[in-house]
Amino acid sequence: MNEEAPLKVRFVTVDADLAGQRVDNFLRTQLKGVPKSMIYRILRKGEVRVNKGRVKPEYKLKADDVVRVPPVRVSEQTDKPNPKLEKVASLEAHILYEDDRIMVINKPSGIAVHGGSGLSFGLIEGLRALRPAAAFLELVHRLDRDTSGCILIAKKRSALRHMHEQLRNGQMDKRYHALVAGSWPQNRFKVKAPLRKNVLQSGERLVSVSEDGKPSETRYRILQSYTDATLLEASPITGRTHQIRVHCLHAGHPIAGDTKYGQAEFDARMKKAGLSRLFLHAASISLLHPKTEQPVKFEAPHDEQLARTLEALS
């Protein structure tokens, strides 16, 4: 008879680099494959202790905290193929750069940066599944679900702090490519318009230009002009939700394939050119490397669909 070895309680001392991480996120890395609901249940029941005391999921760990990790058994479903596995494996091909501090991904359009809002699977969950040995993997910033391109992942908490500071101080330079309707004026280099976010009952976010909104600015440069469209480089100076998309609409030149802020007639024409997604792509990101403090720049090539669309327009 082949009996399984009994699972044991573990006591894990928190490394200084993990200080500041929420205990629920920490447990996700310690208890691989355990559903989120179970993690919250064991926290609620007090089975997880920090320095012998009960804690809430949002408790932020400190260096040298001792975490009691209870034994949790996950029933193995080896007979059921996991439909996410293929998706996870495909992410490997989208890694543009990786070292011991950061990872840069060319995010595909249509994948959310994290699960939630009815999505069980997002980019960060996929990367954690792809790198099960990584103790720490967190998003540095976000991209809309339908936007493709450069996204930064921190592999150490110190790197995350370093890059967040750069974002706050405006030291990070992000450049996007957007295909917009009509001819963008040669002398229009920026859009400054305050943005207000509204969350609908469904949870959907809609952003509009409003006097009582937050100050927002996007800089623009024409890359290529076509018969009834313009390819722009957009650099957001502020980082508001849907900023580039709403600023393009405000300027009278909505982005191609934008189901929220687009123009149906223009989108129908672009569909004939082969476009069935939002034409907004995070083409490059420049920053100071969190380890060397030297300037680095990463560039993400257009996917096949964006490249084909531009070819058709030419």
Protein backbone atom coordinates (compact mmCIF):
# COMPACT_ATOMS: atom_id res chain seq x y z
CA MET A 1 0.00 0.00 0.00
CA ASN A 2 1.38 3.36 -1.09
CA GLU A 3 0.48 5.94 1.53
CA GLU A 4 1.09 9.63 0.97
CA ALA A 5 3.50 11.33 3.35
CA PRO A 6 1.57 13.48 5.82
CA LEU A 7 1.67 17.22 5.10
CA LYS A 8 3.36 19.32 7.77
CA VAL A 9 3.04 22.85 9.12
CA ARG A 10 5.85 25.09 7.86
CA PHE A 11 7.28 28.19 9.49
CA VAL A 12 8.67 30.63 6.93
CA THR A 13 10.81 33.64 7.89
CA VAL A 14 10.15 36.62 5.63
CA ASP A 15 13.12 37.79 3.59
CA ALA A 16 13.80 41.57 3.68
CA ASP A 17 13.13 41.74 -0.07
CA LEU A 18 9.56 40.51 0.46
CA ALA A 19 8.79 43.13 3.14
CA GLY A 20 5.68 45.10 2.19
CA GLN A 21 4.02 42.21 0.34
CA ARG A 22 0.46 41.36 1.40
CA VAL A 23 0.16 38.07 3.27
CA ASP A 24 -2.50 36.71 0.84
CA ASN A 25 -0.14 37.27 -2.12
CA PHE A 26 2.74 35.72 -0.15
CA LEU A 27 0.64 32.61 0.53
CA ARG A 28 -0.16 32.26 -3.18
CA THR A 29 3.57 31.74 -3.83
CA GLN A 30 3.93 29.39 -0.85
CA LEU A 31 0.86 27.28 -1.65
CA LYS A 32 1.12 26.78 -5.42
CA GLY A 33 -2.10 25.65 -7.06
CA VAL A 34 -4.25 26.34 -4.00
CA PRO A 35 -7.41 28.27 -5.01
CA LYS A 36 -7.68 31.87 -3.83
CA SER A 37 -10.92 31.05 -2.00
CA MET A 38 -9.09 28.43 0.12
CA ILE A 39 -6.29 30.90 0.95
CA TYR A 40 -8.85 33.42 2.25
CA ARG A 41 -10.64 30.63 4.16
CA ILE A 42 -7.48 29.51 6.03
CA LEU A 43 -6.67 33.16 6.82
CA ARG A 44 -10.21 33.75 8.11
CA LYS A 45 -10.09 30.60 10.27
CA GLY A 46 -6.78 31.73 11.80
CA GLU A 47 -4.81 28.75 10.45
CA VAL A 48 -2.22 31.19 9.10
CA ARG A 49 -0.35 33.05 11.83
CA VAL A 50 2.27 35.79 11.67
CA ASN A 51 4.50 35.90 14.75
CA LYS A 52 1.92 33.60 16.43
CA GLY A 53 -0.93 36.07 15.86
CA ARG A 54 -3.92 36.06 13.50
CA VAL A 55 -3.77 38.45 10.55
CA LYS A 56 -6.10 39.78 7.86
CA PRO A 57 -5.46 39.14 4.11
CA GLU A 58 -4.31 42.75 3.62
CA TYR A 59 -1.65 42.54 6.36
CA LYS A 60 1.70 43.70 4.92
CA LEU A 61 4.62 41.50 5.90
CA LYS A 62 7.73 42.90 7.58
CA ALA A 63 11.31 41.62 7.34
CA ASP A 64 11.90 38.69 9.75
CA ASP A 65 8.17 38.06 10.32
CA VAL A 66 7.61 34.33 10.93
CA VAL A 67 4.63 33.00 8.98
CA ARG A 68 2.91 29.76 9.96
CA VAL A 69 1.90 28.09 6.68
CA PRO A 70 -0.65 25.31 7.37
CA PRO A 71 -0.70 22.02 5.48
CA VAL A 72 -3.10 22.28 2.53
CA ARG A 73 -3.76 19.41 0.14
CA VAL A 74 -5.03 20.14 -3.34
CA SER A 75 -6.71 17.23 -5.08
CA GLU A 76 -4.78 16.47 -8.23
CA GLN A 77 -6.80 16.41 -11.43
CA THR A 78 -4.30 14.66 -13.64
CA ASP A 79 -7.05 13.16 -15.79
CA LYS A 80 -8.35 16.59 -16.83
CA PRO A 81 -6.28 18.53 -19.37
CA ASN A 82 -5.90 22.15 -18.29
CA PRO A 83 -7.06 24.49 -21.09
CA LYS A 84 -4.91 27.26 -19.58
CA LEU A 85 -1.66 25.33 -20.03
CA GLU A 86 -1.44 26.12 -23.74
CA LYS A 87 -2.06 29.80 -22.99
CA VAL A 88 0.62 29.77 -20.28
CA ALA A 89 3.18 28.04 -22.52
CA SER A 90 2.56 30.59 -25.30
CA LEU A 91 3.58 33.46 -22.98
CA GLU A 92 7.22 32.29 -23.13
CA ALA A 93 7.37 33.51 -26.75
CA HIS A 94 6.25 36.99 -25.63
CA ILE A 95 9.12 37.60 -23.18
CA LEU A 96 11.28 40.40 -24.64
CA TYR A 97 13.82 40.51 -21.80
CA GLU A 98 14.44 38.84 -18.44
CA ASP A 99 17.06 39.01 -15.68
CA ASP A 100 17.01 38.53 -11.90
CA ARG A 101 15.19 41.86 -11.30
CA ILE A 102 12.81 42.45 -14.18
CA MET A 103 10.90 40.79 -16.98
CA VAL A 104 9.56 42.69 -20.04
CA ILE A 105 6.63 41.17 -21.92
CA ASN A 106 5.15 42.02 -25.32
CA LYS A 107 1.59 41.51 -24.05
CA PRO A 108 -0.82 40.11 -26.63
CA SER A 109 -4.07 42.01 -27.24
CA GLY A 110 -7.12 40.44 -25.59
CA ILE A 111 -5.41 39.23 -22.41
CA ALA A 112 -6.10 41.12 -19.18
CA VAL A 113 -3.09 41.98 -17.01
CA HIS A 114 -4.68 40.09 -14.11
CA GLY A 115 -7.73 37.92 -13.43
CA GLY A 116 -10.87 39.42 -11.91
CA SER A 117 -14.10 40.96 -13.26
CA GLY A 118 -15.21 37.52 -14.41
CA LEU A 119 -11.75 36.55 -15.73
CA SER A 120 -10.01 33.74 -13.87
CA PHE A 121 -6.82 34.06 -15.88
CA GLY A 122 -4.67 37.09 -16.56
CA LEU A 123 -1.11 37.84 -17.65
CA ILE A 124 0.35 37.86 -14.12
CA GLU A 125 -1.35 34.55 -13.17
CA GLY A 126 -0.02 33.05 -16.42
CA LEU A 127 3.54 34.23 -15.70
CA ARG A 128 3.40 32.85 -12.15
CA ALA A 129 2.37 29.49 -13.62
CA LEU A 130 5.18 29.77 -16.17
CA ARG A 131 7.77 30.55 -13.44
CA PRO A 132 6.59 28.42 -10.47
CA ALA A 133 9.96 28.77 -8.69
CA ALA A 134 9.82 32.59 -8.69
CA ALA A 135 9.17 33.82 -5.13
CA PHE A 136 8.00 37.24 -6.35
CA LEU A 137 6.35 38.37 -9.59
CA GLU A 138 4.30 41.58 -9.65
CA LEU A 139 3.01 43.99 -12.31
CA VAL A 140 4.85 47.33 -12.31
CA HIS A 141 2.09 49.09 -14.29
CA ARG A 142 -0.98 48.14 -16.32
CA LEU A 143 -2.21 48.00 -19.88
CA ASP A 144 -5.84 47.80 -20.99
CA ARG A 145 -6.96 44.31 -21.95
CA ASP A 146 -7.10 45.14 -25.68
CA THR A 147 -3.83 47.11 -25.75
CA SER A 148 -0.74 45.12 -26.74
CA GLY A 149 2.95 45.77 -26.15
CA CYS A 150 5.58 46.47 -23.47
CA ILE A 151 4.68 45.70 -19.89
CA LEU A 152 7.12 45.50 -16.97
CA ILE A 153 7.12 42.77 -14.32
CA ALA A 154 9.20 43.07 -11.12
CA LYS A 155 10.95 39.93 -9.85
CA LYS A 156 11.97 41.48 -6.52
CA ARG A 157 10.09 43.82 -4.18
CA SER A 158 13.08 46.21 -4.16
CA ALA A 159 12.88 46.39 -7.98
CA LEU A 160 9.13 47.07 -7.79
CA ARG A 161 9.71 49.95 -5.35
CA HIS A 162 12.50 51.35 -7.54
CA MET A 163 10.34 51.30 -10.70
CA HIS A 164 7.27 52.71 -8.90
CA GLU A 165 9.42 55.63 -7.76
CA GLN A 166 10.48 56.24 -11.38
CA LEU A 167 6.81 56.22 -12.43
CA ARG A 168 5.95 58.75 -9.70
CA ASN A 169 8.89 61.00 -10.64
CA GLY A 170 8.16 60.87 -14.38
CA GLN A 171 11.49 59.12 -15.10
CA MET A 172 9.88 56.36 -17.16
CA ASP A 173 9.17 57.05 -20.81
CA LYS A 174 6.38 55.05 -22.49
CA ARG A 175 5.65 55.38 -26.22
CA TYR A 176 2.53 53.96 -27.85
CA HIS A 177 1.54 53.51 -31.49
CA ALA A 178 -2.08 54.39 -32.29
CA LEU A 179 -3.86 54.30 -35.65
CA VAL A 180 -6.48 57.06 -35.63
CA ALA A 181 -9.30 58.19 -37.93
CA GLY A 182 -8.68 61.01 -40.39
CA SER A 183 -5.69 63.32 -40.85
CA TRP A 184 -4.12 64.36 -37.56
CA PRO A 185 -3.08 68.06 -37.82
CA GLN A 186 0.66 68.58 -38.42
CA ASN A 187 0.78 71.29 -35.74
CA ARG A 188 -0.99 69.35 -32.98
CA PHE A 189 1.66 68.03 -30.59
CA LYS A 190 -0.37 67.51 -27.42
CA VAL A 191 -3.79 67.11 -25.87
CA LYS A 192 -4.37 68.52 -22.37
CA ALA A 193 -7.83 67.68 -21.09
CA PRO A 194 -8.95 66.67 -17.56
CA LEU A 195 -10.34 63.13 -17.35
CA ARG A 196 -13.07 61.77 -15.12
CA LYS A 197 -13.62 58.05 -14.55
CA ASN A 198 -17.13 56.66 -14.15
CA VAL A 199 -17.73 53.07 -13.06
CA LEU A 200 -21.03 51.69 -14.35
CA GLN A 201 -23.19 49.26 -12.34
CA SER A 202 -21.81 46.43 -14.46
CA GLY A 203 -18.31 47.34 -13.25
CA GLU A 204 -17.35 48.67 -16.71
CA ARG A 205 -15.17 51.79 -16.62
CA LEU A 206 -15.98 54.73 -18.89
CA VAL A 207 -13.79 57.82 -18.99
CA SER A 208 -14.79 61.24 -20.25
CA VAL A 209 -13.30 64.73 -20.56
CA SER A 210 -14.73 66.76 -17.71
CA GLU A 211 -13.85 70.04 -15.98
CA ASP A 212 -13.93 68.30 -12.60
CA GLY A 213 -11.67 65.49 -13.82
CA LYS A 214 -8.00 64.87 -13.05
CA PRO A 215 -5.39 66.88 -15.02
CA SER A 216 -4.19 64.75 -17.97
CA GLU A 217 -1.74 65.29 -20.82
CA THR A 218 -0.65 63.23 -23.84
CA ARG A 219 2.04 64.26 -26.36
CA TYR A 220 1.70 63.21 -30.01
CA ARG A 221 3.92 62.80 -33.06
CA ILE A 222 2.86 61.74 -36.57
CA LEU A 223 4.64 58.58 -37.74
CA GLN A 224 2.79 57.96 -41.03
CA SER A 225 -0.17 59.48 -42.88
CA TYR A 226 -2.61 57.36 -44.91
CA THR A 227 -5.63 58.23 -47.06
CA ASP A 228 -8.12 58.42 -44.19
CA ALA A 229 -6.03 57.46 -41.17
CA THR A 230 -2.87 58.52 -39.29
CA LEU A 231 -0.36 56.40 -37.39
CA LEU A 232 0.68 58.33 -34.27
CA GLU A 233 3.25 57.96 -31.53
CA ALA A 234 1.55 58.87 -28.24
CA SER A 235 3.45 59.61 -25.01
CA PRO A 236 1.28 59.90 -21.90
CA ILE A 237 2.67 62.46 -19.45
CA THR A 238 0.08 61.44 -16.84
CA GLY A 239 -1.15 57.88 -16.40
CA ARG A 240 -4.96 57.98 -16.31
CA THR A 241 -7.28 55.10 -17.22
CA HIS A 242 -7.99 55.00 -21.01
CA GLN A 243 -6.09 58.31 -21.34
CA ILE A 244 -4.72 57.96 -24.89
CA ARG A 245 -8.01 56.57 -26.18
CA VAL A 246 -10.14 59.39 -24.72
CA HIS A 247 -7.64 62.14 -25.68
CA CYS A 248 -7.66 60.89 -29.31
CA LEU A 249 -11.48 60.94 -29.30
CA HIS A 250 -11.45 64.45 -27.74
CA ALA A 251 -9.14 65.63 -30.54
CA GLY A 252 -11.67 64.30 -33.08
CA HIS A 253 -9.52 61.33 -34.17
CA PRO A 254 -10.68 58.14 -32.38
CA ILE A 255 -8.46 55.05 -32.39
CA ALA A 256 -9.21 52.24 -34.84
CA GLY A 257 -11.01 49.23 -33.38
CA ASP A 258 -11.96 51.01 -30.14
CA THR A 259 -15.30 49.49 -29.09
CA LYS A 260 -15.75 52.06 -26.26
CA TYR A 261 -14.58 55.33 -27.78
CA GLY A 262 -14.38 54.56 -31.49
CA GLN A 263 -16.23 55.48 -34.67
CA ALA A 264 -18.26 52.63 -36.23
CA GLU A 265 -17.84 53.78 -39.85
CA PHE A 266 -14.05 54.13 -39.58
CA ASP A 267 -13.81 50.76 -37.75
CA ALA A 268 -15.78 49.05 -40.53
CA ARG A 269 -13.28 50.38 -43.10
CA MET A 270 -10.34 49.23 -40.97
CA LYS A 271 -11.95 45.80 -40.63
CA LYS A 272 -11.73 45.48 -44.41
CA ALA A 273 -7.98 46.21 -44.06
CA GLY A 274 -7.78 43.21 -41.68
CA LEU A 275 -8.11 44.88 -38.26
CA SER A 276 -10.32 43.15 -35.68
CA ARG A 277 -8.72 44.58 -32.50
CA LEU A 278 -7.89 47.94 -30.91
CA PHE A 279 -4.92 49.54 -32.72
CA LEU A 280 -3.10 50.71 -29.60
CA HIS A 281 0.33 49.23 -28.95
CA ALA A 282 2.88 50.01 -26.21
CA ALA A 283 5.81 50.16 -28.64
CA SER A 284 8.64 51.05 -26.23
CA ILE A 285 9.52 51.76 -22.62
CA SER A 286 12.65 53.50 -21.29
CA LEU A 287 13.73 53.50 -17.65
CA LEU A 288 16.68 53.20 -15.27
CA HIS A 289 17.45 49.54 -14.58
CA PRO A 290 16.66 48.88 -10.88
CA LYS A 291 19.96 47.03 -10.37
CA THR A 292 22.51 48.99 -12.43
CA GLU A 293 20.69 52.38 -12.42
CA GLN A 294 21.74 52.62 -16.10
CA PRO A 295 19.22 53.76 -18.77
CA VAL A 296 17.64 50.85 -20.67
CA LYS A 297 15.08 50.82 -23.49
CA PHE A 298 12.85 47.94 -24.57
CA GLU A 299 10.89 47.79 -27.83
CA ALA A 300 7.98 45.52 -28.74
CA PRO A 301 7.33 44.72 -32.41
CA HIS A 302 3.78 44.97 -33.82
CA ASP A 303 1.87 41.70 -33.93
CA GLU A 304 0.98 40.18 -37.30
CA GLN A 305 -2.45 41.81 -37.44
CA LEU A 306 -1.19 45.38 -36.83
CA ALA A 307 1.64 44.91 -39.35
CA ARG A 308 -0.79 43.50 -41.96
CA THR A 309 -3.24 46.38 -41.43
CA LEU A 310 -0.53 49.02 -42.02
CA GLU A 311 0.62 47.13 -45.12
CA ALA A 312 -2.95 47.10 -46.47
CA LEU A 313 -3.29 50.85 -45.86
CA SER A 314 -0.02 51.53 -47.70
